Amino acid sequence: MARKYIDCRTFPGSQCTVSIAADSSDELLTAAVQHAIAAHGYEDTPQLREQLRQMFQEEKNEDG
């Protein structure tokens, strides 16, 4: 299973350099929402959660 990650640098207009990774989408979403609230002042809404999920990427496995 490939780890998933989200990188604030890919968010339009962001000056943040934080990247968060996790093995599951649910765990990653929880951490990303907490970061968005604490560091960027967002409110926890369904729209925020969907926008964050769309930014998830999978790490490339060096073995193929």
PDB file of N, CA and C in Angstrom:
ATOM      1  N   MET A   1       0.847  -1.180   0.000  1.00  0.00           N
ATOM      2  CA  MET A   1       0.000   0.000   0.000  1.00  0.00           C
ATOM      3  C   MET A   1       0.894   1.245   0.000  1.00  0.00           C
ATOM      4  N   ALA A   2       0.650   2.145  -0.925  1.00  0.00           N
ATOM      5  CA  ALA A   2       1.421   3.376  -1.017  1.00  0.00           C
ATOM      6  C   ALA A   2       0.929   4.383   0.014  1.00  0.00           C
ATOM      7  N   ARG A   3       1.879   5.084   0.630  1.00  0.00           N
ATOM      8  CA  ARG A   3       1.507   6.142   1.564  1.00  0.00           C
ATOM      9  C   ARG A   3       0.904   7.290   0.781  1.00  0.00           C
ATOM     10  N   LYS A   4      -0.018   7.979   1.419  1.00  0.00           N
ATOM     11  CA  LYS A   4      -0.641   9.148   0.828  1.00  0.00           C
ATOM     12  C   LYS A   4      -0.061  10.386   1.500  1.00  0.00           C
ATOM     13  N   TYR A   5      -0.036  11.493   0.754  1.00  0.00           N
ATOM     14  CA  TYR A   5       0.464  12.721   1.349  1.00  0.00           C
ATOM     15  C   TYR A   5      -0.264  13.928   0.766  1.00  0.00           C
ATOM     16  N   ILE A   6      -0.134  15.028   1.473  1.00  0.00           N
ATOM     17  CA  ILE A   6      -0.658  16.311   1.027  1.00  0.00           C
ATOM     18  C   ILE A   6       0.423  17.335   1.312  1.00  0.00           C
ATOM     19  N   ASP A   7       0.608  18.261   0.404  1.00  0.00           N
ATOM     20  CA  ASP A   7       1.668  19.252   0.507  1.00  0.00           C
ATOM     21  C   ASP A   7       1.047  20.637   0.377  1.00  0.00           C
ATOM     22  N   CYS A   8       1.199  21.463   1.399  1.00  0.00           N
ATOM     23  CA  CYS A   8       0.616  22.802   1.381  1.00  0.00           C
ATOM     24  C   CYS A   8       1.123  23.644   0.210  1.00  0.00           C
ATOM     25  N   ARG A   9       2.322  23.357  -0.268  1.00  0.00           N
ATOM     26  CA  ARG A   9       2.868  24.148  -1.370  1.00  0.00           C
ATOM     27  C   ARG A   9       2.031  24.025  -2.638  1.00  0.00           C
ATOM     28  N   THR A  10       1.202  22.973  -2.744  1.00  0.00           N
ATOM     29  CA  THR A  10       0.364  22.802  -3.934  1.00  0.00           C
ATOM     30  C   THR A  10      -0.970  23.527  -3.810  1.00  0.00           C
ATOM     31  N   PHE A  11      -1.252  24.086  -2.628  1.00  0.00           N
ATOM     32  CA  PHE A  11      -2.503  24.816  -2.424  1.00  0.00           C
ATOM     33  C   PHE A  11      -2.341  26.223  -2.998  1.00  0.00           C
ATOM     34  N   PRO A  12      -3.239  26.654  -3.869  1.00  0.00           N
ATOM     35  CA  PRO A  12      -3.091  27.965  -4.515  1.00  0.00           C
ATOM     36  C   PRO A  12      -2.924  29.101  -3.504  1.00  0.00           C
ATOM     37  N   GLY A  13      -1.897  29.893  -3.692  1.00  0.00           N
ATOM     38  CA  GLY A  13      -1.657  31.053  -2.857  1.00  0.00           C
ATOM     39  C   GLY A  13      -0.983  30.771  -1.526  1.00  0.00           C
ATOM     40  N   SER A  14      -0.652  29.525  -1.238  1.00  0.00           N
ATOM     41  CA  SER A  14      -0.070  29.176   0.048  1.00  0.00           C
ATOM     42  C   SER A  14       1.414  29.518   0.100  1.00  0.00           C
ATOM     43  N   GLN A  15       1.836  30.026   1.238  1.00  0.00           N
ATOM     44  CA  GLN A  15       3.247  30.262   1.508  1.00  0.00           C
ATOM     45  C   GLN A  15       3.775  29.214   2.488  1.00  0.00           C
ATOM     46  N   CYS A  16       2.964  28.240   2.828  1.00  0.00           N
ATOM     47  CA  CYS A  16       3.281  27.202   3.803  1.00  0.00           C
ATOM     48  C   CYS A  16       4.067  26.080   3.126  1.00  0.00           C
ATOM     49  N   THR A  17       5.045  25.520   3.843  1.00  0.00           N
ATOM     50  CA  THR A  17       5.869  24.459   3.276  1.00  0.00           C
ATOM     51  C   THR A  17       5.653  23.116   3.962  1.00  0.00           C
ATOM     52  N   VAL A  18       4.552  22.972   4.715  1.00  0.00           N
ATOM     53  CA  VAL A  18       4.275  21.732   5.435  1.00  0.00           C
ATOM     54  C   VAL A  18       3.781  20.660   4.474  1.00  0.00           C
ATOM     55  N   SER A  19       4.267  19.443   4.691  1.00  0.00           N
ATOM     56  CA  SER A  19       3.812  18.267   3.974  1.00  0.00           C
ATOM     57  C   SER A  19       3.459  17.216   5.024  1.00  0.00           C
ATOM     58  N   ILE A  20       2.328  16.546   4.851  1.00  0.00           N
ATOM     59  CA  ILE A  20       1.844  15.558   5.817  1.00  0.00           C
ATOM     60  C   ILE A  20       1.619  14.243   5.077  1.00  0.00           C
ATOM     61  N   ALA A  21       2.050  13.120   5.688  1.00  0.00           N
ATOM     62  CA  ALA A  21       1.874  11.808   5.063  1.00  0.00           C
ATOM     63  C   ALA A  21       1.271  10.832   6.063  1.00  0.00           C
ATOM     64  N   ALA A  22       0.544   9.851   5.538  1.00  0.00           N
ATOM     65  CA  ALA A  22      -0.062   8.804   6.367  1.00  0.00           C
ATOM     66  C   ALA A  22      -0.346   7.590   5.489  1.00  0.00           C
ATOM     67  N   ASP A  23      -0.582   6.455   6.149  1.00  0.00           N
ATOM     68  CA  ASP A  23      -0.887   5.230   5.412  1.00  0.00           C
ATOM     69  C   ASP A  23      -2.344   5.158   4.968  1.00  0.00           C
ATOM     70  N   SER A  24      -3.230   5.867   5.661  1.00  0.00           N
ATOM     71  CA  SER A  24      -4.651   5.805   5.297  1.00  0.00           C
ATOM     72  C   SER A  24      -5.191   7.200   4.978  1.00  0.00           C
ATOM     73  N   SER A  25      -6.173   7.238   4.099  1.00  0.00           N
ATOM     74  CA  SER A  25      -6.801   8.507   3.732  1.00  0.00           C
ATOM     75  C   SER A  25      -7.481   9.161   4.926  1.00  0.00           C
ATOM     76  N   ASP A  26      -8.098   8.359   5.778  1.00  0.00           N
ATOM     77  CA  ASP A  26      -8.786   8.916   6.947  1.00  0.00           C
ATOM     78  C   ASP A  26      -7.811   9.583   7.907  1.00  0.00           C
ATOM     79  N   GLU A  27      -6.686   8.924   8.152  1.00  0.00           N
ATOM     80  CA  GLU A  27      -5.677   9.484   9.048  1.00  0.00           C
ATOM     81  C   GLU A  27      -5.083  10.765   8.454  1.00  0.00           C
ATOM     82  N   LEU A  28      -4.822  10.742   7.158  1.00  0.00           N
ATOM     83  CA  LEU A  28      -4.278  11.912   6.493  1.00  0.00           C
ATOM     84  C   LEU A  28      -5.271  13.067   6.535  1.00  0.00           C
ATOM     85  N   LEU A  29      -6.527  12.786   6.295  1.00  0.00           N
ATOM     86  CA  LEU A  29      -7.540  13.837   6.311  1.00  0.00           C
ATOM     87  C   LEU A  29      -7.638  14.471   7.692  1.00  0.00           C
ATOM     88  N   THR A  30      -7.622  13.663   8.740  1.00  0.00           N
ATOM     89  CA  THR A  30      -7.684  14.195  10.103  1.00  0.00           C
ATOM     90  C   THR A  30      -6.532  15.154  10.363  1.00  0.00           C
ATOM     91  N   ALA A  31      -5.320  14.748  10.007  1.00  0.00           N
ATOM     92  CA  ALA A  31      -4.149  15.594  10.228  1.00  0.00           C
ATOM     93  C   ALA A  31      -4.196  16.859   9.366  1.00  0.00           C
ATOM     94  N   ALA A  32      -4.627  16.725   8.123  1.00  0.00           N
ATOM     95  CA  ALA A  32      -4.690  17.870   7.215  1.00  0.00           C
ATOM     96  C   ALA A  32      -5.724  18.889   7.677  1.00  0.00           C
ATOM     97  N   VAL A  33      -6.864  18.412   8.146  1.00  0.00           N
ATOM     98  CA  VAL A  33      -7.898  19.320   8.657  1.00  0.00           C
ATOM     99  C   VAL A  33      -7.376  20.056   9.881  1.00  0.00           C
ATOM    100  N   GLN A  34      -6.738  19.342  10.799  1.00  0.00           N
ATOM    101  CA  GLN A  34      -6.190  19.978  11.996  1.00  0.00           C
ATOM    102  C   GLN A  34      -5.169  21.052  11.612  1.00  0.00           C
ATOM    103  N   HIS A  35      -4.321  20.754  10.634  1.00  0.00           N
ATOM    104  CA  HIS A  35      -3.337  21.734  10.178  1.00  0.00           C
ATOM    105  C   HIS A  35      -4.023  22.938   9.541  1.00  0.00           C
ATOM    106  N   ALA A  36      -5.004  22.704   8.694  1.00  0.00           N
ATOM    107  CA  ALA A  36      -5.699  23.799   8.013  1.00  0.00           C
ATOM    108  C   ALA A  36      -6.364  24.743   9.020  1.00  0.00           C
ATOM    109  N   ILE A  37      -6.904  24.177  10.085  1.00  0.00           N
ATOM    110  CA  ILE A  37      -7.555  24.986  11.119  1.00  0.00           C
ATOM    111  C   ILE A  37      -6.523  25.757  11.932  1.00  0.00           C
ATOM    112  N   ALA A  38      -5.518  25.040  12.450  1.00  0.00           N
ATOM    113  CA  ALA A  38      -4.541  25.649  13.353  1.00  0.00           C
ATOM    114  C   ALA A  38      -3.607  26.637  12.648  1.00  0.00           C
ATOM    115  N   ALA A  39      -3.141  26.279  11.468  1.00  0.00           N
ATOM    116  CA  ALA A  39      -2.136  27.104  10.803  1.00  0.00           C
ATOM    117  C   ALA A  39      -2.715  28.136   9.838  1.00  0.00           C
ATOM    118  N   HIS A  40      -3.906  27.842   9.292  1.00  0.00           N
ATOM    119  CA  HIS A  40      -4.433  28.701   8.236  1.00  0.00           C
ATOM    120  C   HIS A  40      -5.794  29.323   8.549  1.00  0.00           C
ATOM    121  N   GLY A  41      -6.365  28.987   9.707  1.00  0.00           N
ATOM    122  CA  GLY A  41      -7.603  29.630  10.145  1.00  0.00           C
ATOM    123  C   GLY A  41      -8.874  29.164   9.458  1.00  0.00           C
ATOM    124  N   TYR A  42      -8.826  28.019   8.779  1.00  0.00           N
ATOM    125  CA  TYR A  42     -10.033  27.499   8.128  1.00  0.00           C
ATOM    126  C   TYR A  42     -10.991  26.914   9.153  1.00  0.00           C
ATOM    127  N   GLU A  43     -12.245  26.814   8.764  1.00  0.00           N
ATOM    128  CA  GLU A  43     -13.249  26.116   9.567  1.00  0.00           C
ATOM    129  C   GLU A  43     -13.401  24.706   9.010  1.00  0.00           C
ATOM    130  N   ASP A  44     -13.702  23.772   9.897  1.00  0.00           N
ATOM    131  CA  ASP A  44     -13.902  22.380   9.496  1.00  0.00           C
ATOM    132  C   ASP A  44     -15.272  22.249   8.861  1.00  0.00           C
ATOM    133  N   THR A  45     -15.294  22.205   7.537  1.00  0.00           N
ATOM    134  CA  THR A  45     -16.541  22.085   6.790  1.00  0.00           C
ATOM    135  C   THR A  45     -16.430  20.919   5.813  1.00  0.00           C
ATOM    136  N   PRO A  46     -17.554  20.415   5.344  1.00  0.00           N
ATOM    137  CA  PRO A  46     -17.493  19.365   4.319  1.00  0.00           C
ATOM    138  C   PRO A  46     -16.753  19.825   3.059  1.00  0.00           C
ATOM    139  N   GLN A  47     -16.884  21.101   2.713  1.00  0.00           N
ATOM    140  CA  GLN A  47     -16.216  21.625   1.531  1.00  0.00           C
ATOM    141  C   GLN A  47     -14.691  21.612   1.722  1.00  0.00           C
ATOM    142  N   LEU A  48     -14.214  21.997   2.909  1.00  0.00           N
ATOM    143  CA  LEU A  48     -12.781  21.951   3.181  1.00  0.00           C
ATOM    144  C   LEU A  48     -12.274  20.521   3.080  1.00  0.00           C
ATOM    145  N   ARG A  49     -12.992  19.593   3.689  1.00  0.00           N
ATOM    146  CA  ARG A  49     -12.574  18.196   3.678  1.00  0.00           C
ATOM    147  C   ARG A  49     -12.502  17.653   2.245  1.00  0.00           C
ATOM    148  N   GLU A  50     -13.467  17.996   1.418  1.00  0.00           N
ATOM    149  CA  GLU A  50     -13.453  17.531   0.032  1.00  0.00           C
ATOM    150  C   GLU A  50     -12.293  18.152  -0.744  1.00  0.00           C
ATOM    151  N   GLN A  51     -12.047  19.439  -0.521  1.00  0.00           N
ATOM    152  CA  GLN A  51     -10.945  20.100  -1.203  1.00  0.00           C
ATOM    153  C   GLN A  51      -9.612  19.469  -0.801  1.00  0.00           C
ATOM    154  N   LEU A  52      -9.451  19.167   0.475  1.00  0.00           N
ATOM    155  CA  LEU A  52      -8.226  18.527   0.937  1.00  0.00           C
ATOM    156  C   LEU A  52      -8.074  17.132   0.334  1.00  0.00           C
ATOM    157  N   ARG A  53      -9.157  16.346   0.331  1.00  0.00           N
ATOM    158  CA  ARG A  53      -9.098  14.997  -0.259  1.00  0.00           C
ATOM    159  C   ARG A  53      -8.653  15.033  -1.719  1.00  0.00           C
ATOM    160  N   GLN A  54      -9.098  16.044  -2.444  1.00  0.00           N
ATOM    161  CA  GLN A  54      -8.734  16.156  -3.854  1.00  0.00           C
ATOM    162  C   GLN A  54      -7.248  16.473  -4.036  1.00  0.00           C
ATOM    163  N   MET A  55      -6.610  16.971  -2.989  1.00  0.00           N
ATOM    164  CA  MET A  55      -5.187  17.300  -3.050  1.00  0.00           C
ATOM    165  C   MET A  55      -4.294  16.127  -2.657  1.00  0.00           C
ATOM    166  N   PHE A  56      -4.876  15.024  -2.178  1.00  0.00           N
ATOM    167  CA  PHE A  56      -4.086  13.865  -1.770  1.00  0.00           C
ATOM    168  C   PHE A  56      -3.325  13.306  -2.969  1.00  0.00           C
ATOM    169  N   GLN A  57      -2.106  12.878  -2.698  1.00  0.00           N
ATOM    170  CA  GLN A  57      -1.279  12.226  -3.708  1.00  0.00           C
ATOM    171  C   GLN A  57      -0.716  10.954  -3.102  1.00  0.00           C
ATOM    172  N   GLU A  58      -0.288  10.039  -3.947  1.00  0.00           N
ATOM    173  CA  GLU A  58       0.350   8.815  -3.457  1.00  0.00           C
ATOM    174  C   GLU A  58       1.839   8.907  -3.693  1.00  0.00           C
ATOM    175  N   GLU A  59       2.608   8.508  -2.667  1.00  0.00           N
ATOM    176  CA  GLU A  59       4.052   8.487  -2.813  1.00  0.00           C
ATOM    177  C   GLU A  59       4.432   7.441  -3.854  1.00  0.00           C
ATOM    178  N   LYS A  60       5.433   7.732  -4.615  1.00  0.00           N
ATOM    179  CA  LYS A  60       5.938   6.801  -5.613  1.00  0.00           C
ATOM    180  C   LYS A  60       6.785   5.749  -4.913  1.00  0.00           C
ATOM    181  N   ASN A  61       6.552   4.489  -5.220  1.00  0.00           N
ATOM    182  CA  ASN A  61       7.317   3.396  -4.667  1.00  0.00           C
ATOM    183  C   ASN A  61       8.575   3.226  -5.512  1.00  0.00           C
ATOM    184  N   GLU A  62       9.742   3.306  -4.880  1.00  0.00           N
ATOM    185  CA  GLU A  62      10.997   3.200  -5.616  1.00  0.00           C
ATOM    186  C   GLU A  62      11.211   1.819  -6.217  1.00  0.00           C
ATOM    187  N   ASP A  63      10.489   0.812  -5.718  1.00  0.00           N
ATOM    188  CA  ASP A  63      10.641  -0.553  -6.227  1.00  0.00           C
ATOM    189  C   ASP A  63       9.814  -0.805  -7.471  1.00  0.00           C
ATOM    190  N   GLY A  64       9.015   0.183  -7.870  1.00  0.00           N
ATOM    191  CA  GLY A  64       8.250  -0.025  -9.088  1.00  0.00           C
ATOM    192  C   GLY A  64       6.863   0.333  -8.870  1.00  0.00           C
TER     193      GLY A  64
END
